[in-house]
Amino acid sequence: MSALRAKAAATAQQHLAAELPRRWRHVQAVAAKADRLGGLVGEDAEFLTAAAWLHDIGYAVDIRDTGFHALDGARWLLTVGFSARLAALVAHHSCASYEAAERGLGHVLAAEFSLEMSPVSDTLWFVDMTTGPDGQDMTVGERLAEIRERYGRTDLVTRFWIKGELPLLDAVQRTQERIALHPM
């Protein structure tokens, strides 16, 4: 395991394992899936896996600030020495710009973190959104249905997914096409 992956895994474990065990199970499974799919992104495999380990770090109580986990986690990652690219991948994972807009933070997210549109970001969205809250494999459709059921019809999270579903499905499709071309 590279130094970056090891640091990301240890950081996630430190902040999520005891405090948020269900979130920790999800993160471990997302990172394992990212590690398996690293070949899709070539030299960027370590960034993909590190981002997978850290994508939900902003849920930790000691890191939470605005209540928007993607932004909170990304900001915190910068303060503890992770790269701007890694922080940006976390900031924008899984259609976070749509959630930011629903929270009135869209301009803040866009100003602070650049949106990377690449095989790395696509694959990060794929591994997150095909992994359930307890680490189980799911289709993206099952995952979106699970989120809507868990949060309810009127919750901010459900509202942002209504707007973000098509971009997510596009990223998932691009990743599935890469998998078909380069079976792991």
Protein backbone atom coordinates (compact mmCIF):
# COMPACT_ATOMS: atom_id res chain seq x y z
CA MET A 1 0.00 0.00 0.00
CA SER A 2 1.36 3.41 -0.94
CA ALA A 3 2.09 5.99 1.74
CA LEU A 4 -0.86 8.14 0.58
CA ARG A 5 -3.30 5.22 0.73
CA ALA A 6 -2.02 4.18 4.15
CA LYS A 7 -2.31 7.74 5.52
CA ALA A 8 -5.83 8.10 4.10
CA ALA A 9 -6.94 4.75 5.56
CA ALA A 10 -5.48 5.54 8.98
CA THR A 11 -7.06 9.00 8.98
CA ALA A 12 -10.48 7.64 8.07
CA GLN A 13 -10.23 4.91 10.70
CA GLN A 14 -9.21 7.39 13.39
CA HIS A 15 -12.17 9.67 12.73
CA LEU A 16 -14.93 7.27 11.69
CA ALA A 17 -14.46 3.74 13.06
CA ALA A 18 -15.49 4.21 16.70
CA GLU A 19 -17.76 7.23 16.29
CA LEU A 20 -19.66 6.22 13.15
CA PRO A 21 -19.37 2.44 12.72
CA ARG A 22 -21.98 2.20 9.98
CA ARG A 23 -20.32 4.99 7.99
CA TRP A 24 -16.98 3.23 8.61
CA ARG A 25 -18.30 -0.01 7.09
CA HIS A 26 -19.44 1.94 4.04
CA VAL A 27 -16.07 3.71 3.70
CA GLN A 28 -14.09 0.47 4.03
CA ALA A 29 -16.13 -1.17 1.28
CA VAL A 30 -15.91 1.90 -0.98
CA ALA A 31 -12.12 1.97 -0.56
CA ALA A 32 -11.81 -1.77 -1.24
CA LYS A 33 -13.86 -1.38 -4.42
CA ALA A 34 -11.74 1.62 -5.46
CA ASP A 35 -8.60 -0.40 -4.89
CA ARG A 36 -9.94 -3.20 -7.12
CA LEU A 37 -10.81 -0.70 -9.88
CA GLY A 38 -7.57 1.27 -9.66
CA GLY A 39 -6.43 -0.14 -12.99
CA LEU A 40 -9.10 1.96 -14.69
CA VAL A 41 -7.26 5.15 -13.78
CA GLY A 42 -3.64 4.09 -14.27
CA GLU A 43 -1.14 6.25 -12.39
CA ASP A 44 -3.97 7.93 -10.47
CA ALA A 45 -4.98 4.72 -8.67
CA GLU A 46 -3.55 5.92 -5.36
CA PHE A 47 -5.55 9.16 -5.58
CA LEU A 48 -8.71 7.19 -6.30
CA THR A 49 -8.23 4.89 -3.31
CA ALA A 50 -7.18 7.73 -0.99
CA ALA A 51 -10.24 9.75 -2.02
CA ALA A 52 -12.43 6.70 -1.39
CA TRP A 53 -11.02 6.34 2.13
CA LEU A 54 -11.59 10.04 2.83
CA HIS A 55 -14.78 10.84 0.92
CA ASP A 56 -16.99 10.81 4.05
CA ILE A 57 -14.49 12.17 6.60
CA GLY A 58 -16.59 15.33 6.93
CA TYR A 59 -19.27 13.40 8.83
CA ALA A 60 -16.94 13.08 11.84
CA VAL A 61 -18.08 15.29 14.72
CA ASP A 62 -14.63 16.81 15.24
CA ILE A 63 -14.43 17.76 11.54
CA ARG A 64 -18.01 18.88 10.92
CA ASP A 65 -18.43 22.63 10.49
CA THR A 66 -21.12 23.66 8.01
CA GLY A 67 -23.00 20.35 8.19
CA PHE A 68 -22.20 19.68 4.53
CA HIS A 69 -19.84 16.74 4.80
CA ALA A 70 -18.16 17.06 1.40
CA LEU A 71 -17.14 20.69 2.01
CA ASP A 72 -16.28 20.16 5.68
CA GLY A 73 -14.13 17.14 4.89
CA ALA A 74 -12.33 18.81 2.01
CA ARG A 75 -11.53 21.92 4.01
CA TRP A 76 -10.23 19.83 6.90
CA LEU A 77 -8.07 17.69 4.58
CA LEU A 78 -6.27 20.84 3.44
CA THR A 79 -5.60 21.89 7.04
CA VAL A 80 -3.92 18.57 7.85
CA GLY A 81 -1.70 18.51 4.77
CA PHE A 82 -3.52 16.47 2.15
CA SER A 83 -3.22 17.77 -1.42
CA ALA A 84 -5.58 20.24 -3.03
CA ARG A 85 -6.45 17.66 -5.69
CA LEU A 86 -7.43 15.06 -3.12
CA ALA A 87 -9.45 17.62 -1.18
CA ALA A 88 -11.23 18.66 -4.39
CA LEU A 89 -12.12 15.05 -5.22
CA VAL A 90 -13.66 14.74 -1.75
CA ALA A 91 -15.38 18.14 -2.05
CA HIS A 92 -17.11 17.19 -5.29
CA HIS A 93 -17.72 13.46 -4.84
CA SER A 94 -21.05 12.00 -5.91
CA CYS A 95 -22.73 15.13 -7.25
CA ALA A 96 -21.86 17.20 -4.19
CA SER A 97 -22.33 20.41 -6.16
CA TYR A 98 -26.07 19.70 -6.24
CA GLU A 99 -26.18 19.24 -2.49
CA ALA A 100 -24.12 22.39 -2.05
CA ALA A 101 -26.64 24.34 -4.12
CA GLU A 102 -29.54 23.00 -2.02
CA ARG A 103 -27.70 24.14 1.12
CA GLY A 104 -26.95 27.59 -0.29
CA LEU A 105 -23.24 26.70 -0.47
CA GLY A 106 -22.85 26.15 -4.21
CA HIS A 107 -20.86 29.32 -4.75
CA VAL A 108 -18.63 28.52 -1.76
CA LEU A 109 -17.86 24.99 -2.98
CA ALA A 110 -17.13 26.20 -6.51
CA ALA A 111 -14.90 29.03 -5.30
CA GLU A 112 -12.84 26.86 -2.95
CA PHE A 113 -12.50 23.59 -4.87
CA SER A 114 -12.16 22.87 -8.56
CA LEU A 115 -14.42 20.25 -10.07
CA GLU A 116 -12.38 17.48 -11.66
CA MET A 117 -14.17 15.63 -14.43
CA SER A 118 -12.00 12.60 -15.11
CA PRO A 119 -11.91 8.82 -14.90
CA VAL A 120 -10.80 9.27 -11.27
CA SER A 121 -13.84 11.35 -10.30
CA ASP A 122 -16.19 9.10 -12.30
CA THR A 123 -14.82 6.01 -10.59
CA LEU A 124 -15.02 7.62 -7.15
CA TRP A 125 -18.68 8.44 -7.74
CA PHE A 126 -19.24 4.88 -9.01
CA VAL A 127 -17.66 3.15 -6.00
CA ASP A 128 -19.52 5.40 -3.55
CA MET A 129 -22.90 5.10 -5.21
CA THR A 130 -22.73 1.33 -5.76
CA THR A 131 -21.94 0.65 -2.10
CA GLY A 132 -24.66 0.64 0.52
CA PRO A 133 -24.56 2.15 3.99
CA ASP A 134 -23.38 -1.13 5.52
CA GLY A 135 -20.80 -1.83 2.82
CA GLN A 136 -22.99 -4.05 0.67
CA ASP A 137 -22.78 -3.98 -3.13
CA MET A 138 -25.77 -2.33 -4.76
CA THR A 139 -26.70 -1.05 -8.17
CA VAL A 140 -26.84 2.72 -8.44
CA GLY A 141 -30.62 2.44 -8.76
CA GLU A 142 -30.84 0.45 -5.54
CA ARG A 143 -28.56 2.95 -3.80
CA LEU A 144 -30.62 5.95 -4.89
CA ALA A 145 -33.82 4.19 -3.77
CA GLU A 146 -32.22 3.37 -0.41
CA ILE A 147 -31.19 7.01 0.07
CA ARG A 148 -34.66 8.28 -0.79
CA GLU A 149 -36.26 5.81 1.60
CA ARG A 150 -33.83 6.60 4.42
CA TYR A 151 -34.17 10.38 4.16
CA GLY A 152 -37.79 10.72 3.06
CA ARG A 153 -39.41 12.50 0.17
CA THR A 154 -38.98 16.09 1.34
CA ASP A 155 -35.46 15.97 2.81
CA LEU A 156 -32.71 18.12 1.31
CA VAL A 157 -30.73 14.98 0.40
CA THR A 158 -33.62 13.54 -1.58
CA ARG A 159 -34.20 16.90 -3.29
CA PHE A 160 -30.59 17.22 -4.41
CA TRP A 161 -30.55 13.68 -5.79
CA ILE A 162 -33.56 14.45 -7.97
CA LYS A 163 -31.42 17.13 -9.65
CA GLY A 164 -28.13 15.21 -9.55
CA GLU A 165 -29.30 11.80 -10.70
CA LEU A 166 -28.59 12.24 -14.41
CA PRO A 167 -24.96 13.43 -13.96
CA LEU A 168 -24.43 10.57 -11.52
CA LEU A 169 -25.84 8.03 -13.96
CA ASP A 170 -23.57 9.45 -16.68
CA ALA A 171 -20.48 8.99 -14.45
CA VAL A 172 -21.58 5.47 -13.55
CA GLN A 173 -22.13 4.61 -17.21
CA ARG A 174 -18.69 5.93 -18.19
CA THR A 175 -17.13 3.81 -15.44
CA GLN A 176 -19.08 0.73 -16.50
CA GLU A 177 -17.85 1.27 -20.07
CA ARG A 178 -14.24 1.46 -18.79
CA ILE A 179 -14.77 -1.73 -16.81
CA ALA A 180 -16.14 -3.48 -19.91
CA LEU A 181 -13.07 -2.40 -21.90
CA HIS A 182 -10.59 -3.29 -19.14
CA PRO A 183 -12.01 -6.11 -17.02
CA MET A 184 -10.34 -6.33 -13.63
